[in-house]
Amino acid sequence: MTNYLCRCEDITLERVEQVIAEGKSTVNDVKRHTRVGMGRCQGAYCISEVRRLLEEDEHDPMTMRPPVRQIRLDTLAATVPPSDDD
């Protein structure tokens, strides 16, 4: 059975532990190398577990960004000009 630490990005606990073992020592380092905390919930459920795993007294705060609103694919596609290949 796989233990998912970040369900939004399908990041396993084992993957985060591996990255920490490779020397990543801050929340931002782990975030950059695994995408943990970058999913739909923006780390609401997983970052506290990453902090616990790091066992740091003081660590760099994670760069927080609000979730981007959803956009329909047809709306996005309409912004691309047609090419000569079409």
PDB file of N, CA and C in Angstrom:
ATOM      1  N   MET A   1       0.847  -1.188   0.000  1.00  0.00           N
ATOM      2  CA  MET A   1       0.000   0.000   0.000  1.00  0.00           C
ATOM      3  C   MET A   1       0.887   1.244   0.000  1.00  0.00           C
ATOM      4  N   THR A   2       0.562   2.198  -0.833  1.00  0.00           N
ATOM      5  CA  THR A   2       1.350   3.417  -0.957  1.00  0.00           C
ATOM      6  C   THR A   2       0.822   4.480  -0.013  1.00  0.00           C
ATOM      7  N   ASN A   3       1.731   5.124   0.701  1.00  0.00           N
ATOM      8  CA  ASN A   3       1.365   6.225   1.585  1.00  0.00           C
ATOM      9  C   ASN A   3       1.590   7.538   0.853  1.00  0.00           C
ATOM     10  N   TYR A   4       0.504   8.216   0.516  1.00  0.00           N
ATOM     11  CA  TYR A   4       0.615   9.495  -0.175  1.00  0.00           C
ATOM     12  C   TYR A   4       0.693  10.614   0.841  1.00  0.00           C
ATOM     13  N   LEU A   5       1.715  11.435   0.707  1.00  0.00           N
ATOM     14  CA  LEU A   5       1.845  12.590   1.577  1.00  0.00           C
ATOM     15  C   LEU A   5       1.072  13.760   0.972  1.00  0.00           C
ATOM     16  N   CYS A   6       1.175  13.918  -0.350  1.00  0.00           N
ATOM     17  CA  CYS A   6       0.452  14.981  -1.060  1.00  0.00           C
ATOM     18  C   CYS A   6      -0.453  14.320  -2.096  1.00  0.00           C
ATOM     19  N   ARG A   7      -1.712  14.264  -1.807  1.00  0.00           N
ATOM     20  CA  ARG A   7      -2.655  13.607  -2.721  1.00  0.00           C
ATOM     21  C   ARG A   7      -2.938  14.444  -3.964  1.00  0.00           C
ATOM     22  N   CYS A   8      -2.864  15.743  -3.836  1.00  0.00           N
ATOM     23  CA  CYS A   8      -3.127  16.605  -4.995  1.00  0.00           C
ATOM     24  C   CYS A   8      -2.122  16.356  -6.115  1.00  0.00           C
ATOM     25  N   GLU A   9      -0.874  16.111  -5.755  1.00  0.00           N
ATOM     26  CA  GLU A   9       0.192  15.929  -6.741  1.00  0.00           C
ATOM     27  C   GLU A   9       0.691  14.484  -6.798  1.00  0.00           C
ATOM     28  N   ASP A  10       0.033  13.568  -6.106  1.00  0.00           N
ATOM     29  CA  ASP A  10       0.427  12.152  -6.079  1.00  0.00           C
ATOM     30  C   ASP A  10       1.873  11.956  -5.629  1.00  0.00           C
ATOM     31  N   ILE A  11       2.268  12.648  -4.569  1.00  0.00           N
ATOM     32  CA  ILE A  11       3.623  12.539  -4.032  1.00  0.00           C
ATOM     33  C   ILE A  11       3.584  11.608  -2.829  1.00  0.00           C
ATOM     34  N   THR A  12       4.433  10.582  -2.871  1.00  0.00           N
ATOM     35  CA  THR A  12       4.443   9.601  -1.787  1.00  0.00           C
ATOM     36  C   THR A  12       5.334  10.062  -0.641  1.00  0.00           C
ATOM     37  N   LEU A  13       5.055   9.520   0.521  1.00  0.00           N
ATOM     38  CA  LEU A  13       5.881   9.766   1.696  1.00  0.00           C
ATOM     39  C   LEU A  13       7.314   9.319   1.419  1.00  0.00           C
ATOM     40  N   GLU A  14       7.457   8.187   0.753  1.00  0.00           N
ATOM     41  CA  GLU A  14       8.788   7.658   0.443  1.00  0.00           C
ATOM     42  C   GLU A  14       9.582   8.623  -0.436  1.00  0.00           C
ATOM     43  N   ARG A  15       8.921   9.258  -1.396  1.00  0.00           N
ATOM     44  CA  ARG A  15       9.602  10.216  -2.285  1.00  0.00           C
ATOM     45  C   ARG A  15      10.106  11.413  -1.496  1.00  0.00           C
ATOM     46  N   VAL A  16       9.287  11.928  -0.592  1.00  0.00           N
ATOM     47  CA  VAL A  16       9.698  13.079   0.217  1.00  0.00           C
ATOM     48  C   VAL A  16      10.851  12.683   1.133  1.00  0.00           C
ATOM     49  N   GLU A  17      10.776  11.513   1.734  1.00  0.00           N
ATOM     50  CA  GLU A  17      11.866  11.041   2.591  1.00  0.00           C
ATOM     51  C   GLU A  17      13.158  10.889   1.795  1.00  0.00           C
ATOM     52  N   GLN A  18      13.050  10.436   0.549  1.00  0.00           N
ATOM     53  CA  GLN A  18      14.222  10.277  -0.315  1.00  0.00           C
ATOM     54  C   GLN A  18      14.871  11.632  -0.600  1.00  0.00           C
ATOM     55  N   VAL A  19      14.061  12.625  -0.915  1.00  0.00           N
ATOM     56  CA  VAL A  19      14.576  13.961  -1.218  1.00  0.00           C
ATOM     57  C   VAL A  19      15.248  14.562   0.017  1.00  0.00           C
ATOM     58  N   ILE A  20      14.656  14.361   1.182  1.00  0.00           N
ATOM     59  CA  ILE A  20      15.258  14.859   2.421  1.00  0.00           C
ATOM     60  C   ILE A  20      16.588  14.156   2.672  1.00  0.00           C
ATOM     61  N   ALA A  21      16.637  12.853   2.435  1.00  0.00           N
ATOM     62  CA  ALA A  21      17.876  12.087   2.610  1.00  0.00           C
ATOM     63  C   ALA A  21      18.967  12.549   1.642  1.00  0.00           C
ATOM     64  N   GLU A  22      18.577  13.084   0.489  1.00  0.00           N
ATOM     65  CA  GLU A  22      19.534  13.602  -0.498  1.00  0.00           C
ATOM     66  C   GLU A  22      20.085  14.970  -0.103  1.00  0.00           C
ATOM     67  N   GLY A  23      19.601  15.525   1.002  1.00  0.00           N
ATOM     68  CA  GLY A  23      20.160  16.778   1.502  1.00  0.00           C
ATOM     69  C   GLY A  23      19.282  17.997   1.388  1.00  0.00           C
ATOM     70  N   LYS A  24      18.070  17.848   0.916  1.00  0.00           N
ATOM     71  CA  LYS A  24      17.164  18.993   0.851  1.00  0.00           C
ATOM     72  C   LYS A  24      16.693  19.262   2.278  1.00  0.00           C
ATOM     73  N   SER A  25      16.952  20.491   2.767  1.00  0.00           N
ATOM     74  CA  SER A  25      16.748  20.724   4.191  1.00  0.00           C
ATOM     75  C   SER A  25      15.708  21.776   4.535  1.00  0.00           C
ATOM     76  N   THR A  26      15.032  22.326   3.539  1.00  0.00           N
ATOM     77  CA  THR A  26      13.985  23.303   3.824  1.00  0.00           C
ATOM     78  C   THR A  26      12.699  22.906   3.108  1.00  0.00           C
ATOM     79  N   VAL A  27      11.619  23.495   3.551  1.00  0.00           N
ATOM     80  CA  VAL A  27      10.326  23.231   2.924  1.00  0.00           C
ATOM     81  C   VAL A  27      10.382  23.618   1.445  1.00  0.00           C
ATOM     82  N   ASN A  28      10.983  24.765   1.138  1.00  0.00           N
ATOM     83  CA  ASN A  28      11.071  25.201  -0.263  1.00  0.00           C
ATOM     84  C   ASN A  28      11.908  24.249  -1.104  1.00  0.00           C
ATOM     85  N   ASP A  29      12.993  23.709  -0.547  1.00  0.00           N
ATOM     86  CA  ASP A  29      13.801  22.723  -1.285  1.00  0.00           C
ATOM     87  C   ASP A  29      12.971  21.495  -1.628  1.00  0.00           C
ATOM     88  N   VAL A  30      12.257  20.981  -0.649  1.00  0.00           N
ATOM     89  CA  VAL A  30      11.428  19.789  -0.876  1.00  0.00           C
ATOM     90  C   VAL A  30      10.331  20.105  -1.884  1.00  0.00           C
ATOM     91  N   LYS A  31       9.741  21.268  -1.764  1.00  0.00           N
ATOM     92  CA  LYS A  31       8.681  21.697  -2.687  1.00  0.00           C
ATOM     93  C   LYS A  31       9.196  21.754  -4.124  1.00  0.00           C
ATOM     94  N   ARG A  32      10.379  22.347  -4.322  1.00  0.00           N
ATOM     95  CA  ARG A  32      10.950  22.471  -5.669  1.00  0.00           C
ATOM     96  C   ARG A  32      11.272  21.125  -6.304  1.00  0.00           C
ATOM     97  N   HIS A  33      11.686  20.165  -5.503  1.00  0.00           N
ATOM     98  CA  HIS A  33      12.124  18.879  -6.041  1.00  0.00           C
ATOM     99  C   HIS A  33      11.017  17.832  -6.134  1.00  0.00           C
ATOM    100  N   THR A  34       9.867  18.085  -5.491  1.00  0.00           N
ATOM    101  CA  THR A  34       8.805  17.072  -5.509  1.00  0.00           C
ATOM    102  C   THR A  34       7.446  17.603  -5.951  1.00  0.00           C
ATOM    103  N   ARG A  35       7.226  18.914  -5.914  1.00  0.00           N
ATOM    104  CA  ARG A  35       5.927  19.550  -6.172  1.00  0.00           C
ATOM    105  C   ARG A  35       4.970  19.413  -4.988  1.00  0.00           C
ATOM    106  N   VAL A  36       5.434  18.909  -3.866  1.00  0.00           N
ATOM    107  CA  VAL A  36       4.576  18.824  -2.690  1.00  0.00           C
ATOM    108  C   VAL A  36       4.166  20.252  -2.304  1.00  0.00           C
ATOM    109  N   GLY A  37       2.893  20.445  -2.010  1.00  0.00           N
ATOM    110  CA  GLY A  37       2.392  21.764  -1.644  1.00  0.00           C
ATOM    111  C   GLY A  37       2.040  22.652  -2.818  1.00  0.00           C
ATOM    112  N   MET A  38       2.131  22.136  -4.042  1.00  0.00           N
ATOM    113  CA  MET A  38       1.840  22.944  -5.222  1.00  0.00           C
ATOM    114  C   MET A  38       0.535  22.533  -5.899  1.00  0.00           C
ATOM    115  N   GLY A  39      -0.204  21.650  -5.281  1.00  0.00           N
ATOM    116  CA  GLY A  39      -1.447  21.163  -5.865  1.00  0.00           C
ATOM    117  C   GLY A  39      -2.626  22.056  -5.555  1.00  0.00           C
ATOM    118  N   ARG A  40      -3.775  21.515  -5.756  1.00  0.00           N
ATOM    119  CA  ARG A  40      -5.030  22.257  -5.603  1.00  0.00           C
ATOM    120  C   ARG A  40      -5.198  22.877  -4.210  1.00  0.00           C
ATOM    121  N   CYS A  41      -4.758  22.160  -3.167  1.00  0.00           N
ATOM    122  CA  CYS A  41      -4.941  22.671  -1.799  1.00  0.00           C
ATOM    123  C   CYS A  41      -3.824  23.615  -1.368  1.00  0.00           C
ATOM    124  N   GLN A  42      -2.781  23.774  -2.217  1.00  0.00           N
ATOM    125  CA  GLN A  42      -1.653  24.664  -1.931  1.00  0.00           C
ATOM    126  C   GLN A  42      -0.977  24.355  -0.591  1.00  0.00           C
ATOM    127  N   GLY A  43      -0.895  23.073  -0.261  1.00  0.00           N
ATOM    128  CA  GLY A  43      -0.167  22.643   0.929  1.00  0.00           C
ATOM    129  C   GLY A  43      -0.961  22.639   2.216  1.00  0.00           C
ATOM    130  N   ALA A  44      -2.251  22.857   2.144  1.00  0.00           N
ATOM    131  CA  ALA A  44      -3.066  22.908   3.359  1.00  0.00           C
ATOM    132  C   ALA A  44      -3.013  21.609   4.155  1.00  0.00           C
ATOM    133  N   TYR A  45      -2.806  20.495   3.467  1.00  0.00           N
ATOM    134  CA  TYR A  45      -2.806  19.204   4.145  1.00  0.00           C
ATOM    135  C   TYR A  45      -1.421  18.583   4.281  1.00  0.00           C
ATOM    136  N   CYS A  46      -0.488  18.917   3.408  1.00  0.00           N
ATOM    137  CA  CYS A  46       0.784  18.189   3.380  1.00  0.00           C
ATOM    138  C   CYS A  46       1.976  18.948   3.947  1.00  0.00           C
ATOM    139  N   ILE A  47       1.969  20.252   3.916  1.00  0.00           N
ATOM    140  CA  ILE A  47       3.159  20.995   4.325  1.00  0.00           C
ATOM    141  C   ILE A  47       3.473  20.801   5.800  1.00  0.00           C
ATOM    142  N   SER A  48       2.475  20.679   6.637  1.00  0.00           N
ATOM    143  CA  SER A  48       2.759  20.446   8.057  1.00  0.00           C
ATOM    144  C   SER A  48       3.491  19.124   8.252  1.00  0.00           C
ATOM    145  N   GLU A  49       3.170  18.128   7.441  1.00  0.00           N
ATOM    146  CA  GLU A  49       3.870  16.843   7.521  1.00  0.00           C
ATOM    147  C   GLU A  49       5.301  16.974   7.008  1.00  0.00           C
ATOM    148  N   VAL A  50       5.518  17.764   5.964  1.00  0.00           N
ATOM    149  CA  VAL A  50       6.878  18.005   5.474  1.00  0.00           C
ATOM    150  C   VAL A  50       7.694  18.695   6.559  1.00  0.00           C
ATOM    151  N   ARG A  51       7.108  19.685   7.201  1.00  0.00           N
ATOM    152  CA  ARG A  51       7.806  20.376   8.299  1.00  0.00           C
ATOM    153  C   ARG A  51       8.169  19.398   9.405  1.00  0.00           C
ATOM    154  N   ARG A  52       7.254  18.510   9.731  1.00  0.00           N
ATOM    155  CA  ARG A  52       7.527  17.519  10.768  1.00  0.00           C
ATOM    156  C   ARG A  52       8.672  16.615  10.344  1.00  0.00           C
ATOM    157  N   LEU A  53       8.678  16.195   9.091  1.00  0.00           N
ATOM    158  CA  LEU A  53       9.743  15.330   8.592  1.00  0.00           C
ATOM    159  C   LEU A  53      11.098  16.035   8.612  1.00  0.00           C
ATOM    160  N   LEU A  54      11.129  17.283   8.329  1.00  0.00           N
ATOM    161  CA  LEU A  54      12.388  18.025   8.321  1.00  0.00           C
ATOM    162  C   LEU A  54      12.951  18.235   9.728  1.00  0.00           C
ATOM    163  N   GLU A  55      12.078  18.263  10.702  1.00  0.00           N
ATOM    164  CA  GLU A  55      12.470  18.461  12.102  1.00  0.00           C
ATOM    165  C   GLU A  55      13.391  19.669  12.274  1.00  0.00           C
ATOM    166  N   GLU A  56      12.991  20.752  11.667  1.00  0.00           N
ATOM    167  CA  GLU A  56      13.770  21.985  11.773  1.00  0.00           C
ATOM    168  C   GLU A  56      13.167  22.896  12.831  1.00  0.00           C
ATOM    169  N   ASP A  57      14.033  23.564  13.571  1.00  0.00           N
ATOM    170  CA  ASP A  57      13.547  24.573  14.507  1.00  0.00           C
ATOM    171  C   ASP A  57      13.125  25.828  13.745  1.00  0.00           C
ATOM    172  N   GLU A  58      13.973  26.226  12.811  1.00  0.00           N
ATOM    173  CA  GLU A  58      13.659  27.391  11.981  1.00  0.00           C
ATOM    174  C   GLU A  58      13.875  27.001  10.535  1.00  0.00           C
ATOM    175  N   HIS A  59      12.898  27.204   9.719  1.00  0.00           N
ATOM    176  CA  HIS A  59      13.038  26.901   8.298  1.00  0.00           C
ATOM    177  C   HIS A  59      12.427  28.021   7.472  1.00  0.00           C
ATOM    178  N   ASP A  60      12.886  28.100   6.238  1.00  0.00           N
ATOM    179  CA  ASP A  60      12.368  29.131   5.343  1.00  0.00           C
ATOM    180  C   ASP A  60      10.886  28.901   5.103  1.00  0.00           C
ATOM    181  N   PRO A  61      10.090  29.955   5.147  1.00  0.00           N
ATOM    182  CA  PRO A  61       8.663  29.760   4.874  1.00  0.00           C
ATOM    183  C   PRO A  61       8.432  29.368   3.416  1.00  0.00           C
ATOM    184  N   MET A  62       7.426  28.566   3.208  1.00  0.00           N
ATOM    185  CA  MET A  62       7.067  28.161   1.854  1.00  0.00           C
ATOM    186  C   MET A  62       6.494  29.360   1.107  1.00  0.00           C
ATOM    187  N   THR A  63       6.793  29.468  -0.140  1.00  0.00           N
ATOM    188  CA  THR A  63       6.222  30.515  -0.967  1.00  0.00           C
ATOM    189  C   THR A  63       4.764  30.164  -1.241  1.00  0.00           C
ATOM    190  N   MET A  64       3.860  30.966  -0.697  1.00  0.00           N
ATOM    191  CA  MET A  64       2.441  30.685  -0.849  1.00  0.00           C
ATOM    192  C   MET A  64       1.892  31.455  -2.048  1.00  0.00           C
ATOM    193  N   ARG A  65       1.104  30.770  -2.829  1.00  0.00           N
ATOM    194  CA  ARG A  65       0.417  31.393  -3.956  1.00  0.00           C
ATOM    195  C   ARG A  65      -1.036  30.930  -3.927  1.00  0.00           C
ATOM    196  N   PRO A  66      -1.950  31.853  -4.174  1.00  0.00           N
ATOM    197  CA  PRO A  66      -3.350  31.425  -4.179  1.00  0.00           C
ATOM    198  C   PRO A  66      -3.610  30.495  -5.361  1.00  0.00           C
ATOM    199  N   PRO A  67      -4.540  29.575  -5.196  1.00  0.00           N
ATOM    200  CA  PRO A  67      -4.869  28.688  -6.317  1.00  0.00           C
ATOM    201  C   PRO A  67      -5.374  29.496  -7.517  1.00  0.00           C
ATOM    202  N   VAL A  68      -4.992  29.066  -8.670  1.00  0.00           N
ATOM    203  CA  VAL A  68      -5.455  29.703  -9.897  1.00  0.00           C
ATOM    204  C   VAL A  68      -6.873  29.216 -10.168  1.00  0.00           C
ATOM    205  N   ARG A  69      -7.713  30.091 -10.652  1.00  0.00           N
ATOM    206  CA  ARG A  69      -9.086  29.663 -10.925  1.00  0.00           C
ATOM    207  C   ARG A  69      -9.106  28.759 -12.148  1.00  0.00           C
ATOM    208  N   GLN A  70     -10.097  27.918 -12.222  1.00  0.00           N
ATOM    209  CA  GLN A  70     -10.223  26.991 -13.339  1.00  0.00           C
ATOM    210  C   GLN A  70     -10.639  27.734 -14.599  1.00  0.00           C
ATOM    211  N   ILE A  71     -10.141  27.249 -15.741  1.00  0.00           N
ATOM    212  CA  ILE A  71     -10.505  27.830 -17.029  1.00  0.00           C
ATOM    213  C   ILE A  71     -10.825  26.685 -17.985  1.00  0.00           C
ATOM    214  N   ARG A  72     -11.854  26.860 -18.760  1.00  0.00           N
ATOM    215  CA  ARG A  72     -12.248  25.823 -19.720  1.00  0.00           C
ATOM    216  C   ARG A  72     -11.220  25.752 -20.839  1.00  0.00           C
ATOM    217  N   LEU A  73     -10.970  24.564 -21.348  1.00  0.00           N
ATOM    218  CA  LEU A  73      -9.980  24.384 -22.405  1.00  0.00           C
ATOM    219  C   LEU A  73     -10.364  25.106 -23.693  1.00  0.00           C
ATOM    220  N   ASP A  74     -11.662  25.152 -24.008  1.00  0.00           N
ATOM    221  CA  ASP A  74     -12.057  25.854 -25.228  1.00  0.00           C
ATOM    222  C   ASP A  74     -11.793  27.354 -25.114  1.00  0.00           C
ATOM    223  N   THR A  75     -11.911  27.901 -23.921  1.00  0.00           N
ATOM    224  CA  THR A  75     -11.602  29.308 -23.701  1.00  0.00           C
ATOM    225  C   THR A  75     -10.109  29.553 -23.886  1.00  0.00           C
ATOM    226  N   LEU A  76      -9.300  28.666 -23.335  1.00  0.00           N
ATOM    227  CA  LEU A  76      -7.855  28.773 -23.478  1.00  0.00           C
ATOM    228  C   LEU A  76      -7.435  28.605 -24.937  1.00  0.00           C
ATOM    229  N   ALA A  77      -8.021  27.636 -25.613  1.00  0.00           N
ATOM    230  CA  ALA A  77      -7.679  27.383 -27.016  1.00  0.00           C
ATOM    231  C   ALA A  77      -8.034  28.571 -27.905  1.00  0.00           C
ATOM    232  N   ALA A  78      -9.071  29.297 -27.548  1.00  0.00           N
ATOM    233  CA  ALA A  78      -9.487  30.447 -28.352  1.00  0.00           C
ATOM    234  C   ALA A  78      -8.461  31.578 -28.307  1.00  0.00           C
ATOM    235  N   THR A  79      -7.555  31.560 -27.355  1.00  0.00           N
ATOM    236  CA  THR A  79      -6.543  32.614 -27.244  1.00  0.00           C
ATOM    237  C   THR A  79      -5.338  32.369 -28.146  1.00  0.00           C
ATOM    238  N   VAL A  80      -5.237  31.170 -28.724  1.00  0.00           N
ATOM    239  CA  VAL A  80      -4.102  30.820 -29.583  1.00  0.00           C
ATOM    240  C   VAL A  80      -4.479  31.088 -31.036  1.00  0.00           C
ATOM    241  N   PRO A  81      -3.683  31.896 -31.731  1.00  0.00           N
ATOM    242  CA  PRO A  81      -4.011  32.165 -33.137  1.00  0.00           C
ATOM    243  C   PRO A  81      -3.804  30.916 -33.984  1.00  0.00           C
ATOM    244  N   PRO A  82      -4.616  30.727 -35.007  1.00  0.00           N
ATOM    245  CA  PRO A  82      -4.452  29.552 -35.871  1.00  0.00           C
ATOM    246  C   PRO A  82      -3.123  29.623 -36.621  1.00  0.00           C
ATOM    247  N   SER A  83      -2.537  28.458 -36.854  1.00  0.00           N
ATOM    248  CA  SER A  83      -1.268  28.409 -37.592  1.00  0.00           C
ATOM    249  C   SER A  83      -1.528  27.986 -39.034  1.00  0.00           C
ATOM    250  N   ASP A  84      -0.514  28.107 -39.865  1.00  0.00           N
ATOM    251  CA  ASP A  84      -0.632  27.706 -41.272  1.00  0.00           C
ATOM    252  C   ASP A  84      -0.737  26.200 -41.420  1.00  0.00           C
ATOM    253  N   ASP A  85      -0.342  25.445 -40.405  1.00  0.00           N
ATOM    254  CA  ASP A  85      -0.374  23.984 -40.445  1.00  0.00           C
ATOM    255  C   ASP A  85      -1.783  23.423 -40.313  1.00  0.00           C
ATOM    256  N   ASP A  86      -2.726  24.237 -39.847  1.00  0.00           N
ATOM    257  CA  ASP A  86      -4.091  23.740 -39.608  1.00  0.00           C
ATOM    258  C   ASP A  86      -4.878  23.593 -40.872  1.00  0.00           C
TER     259      ASP A  86
END
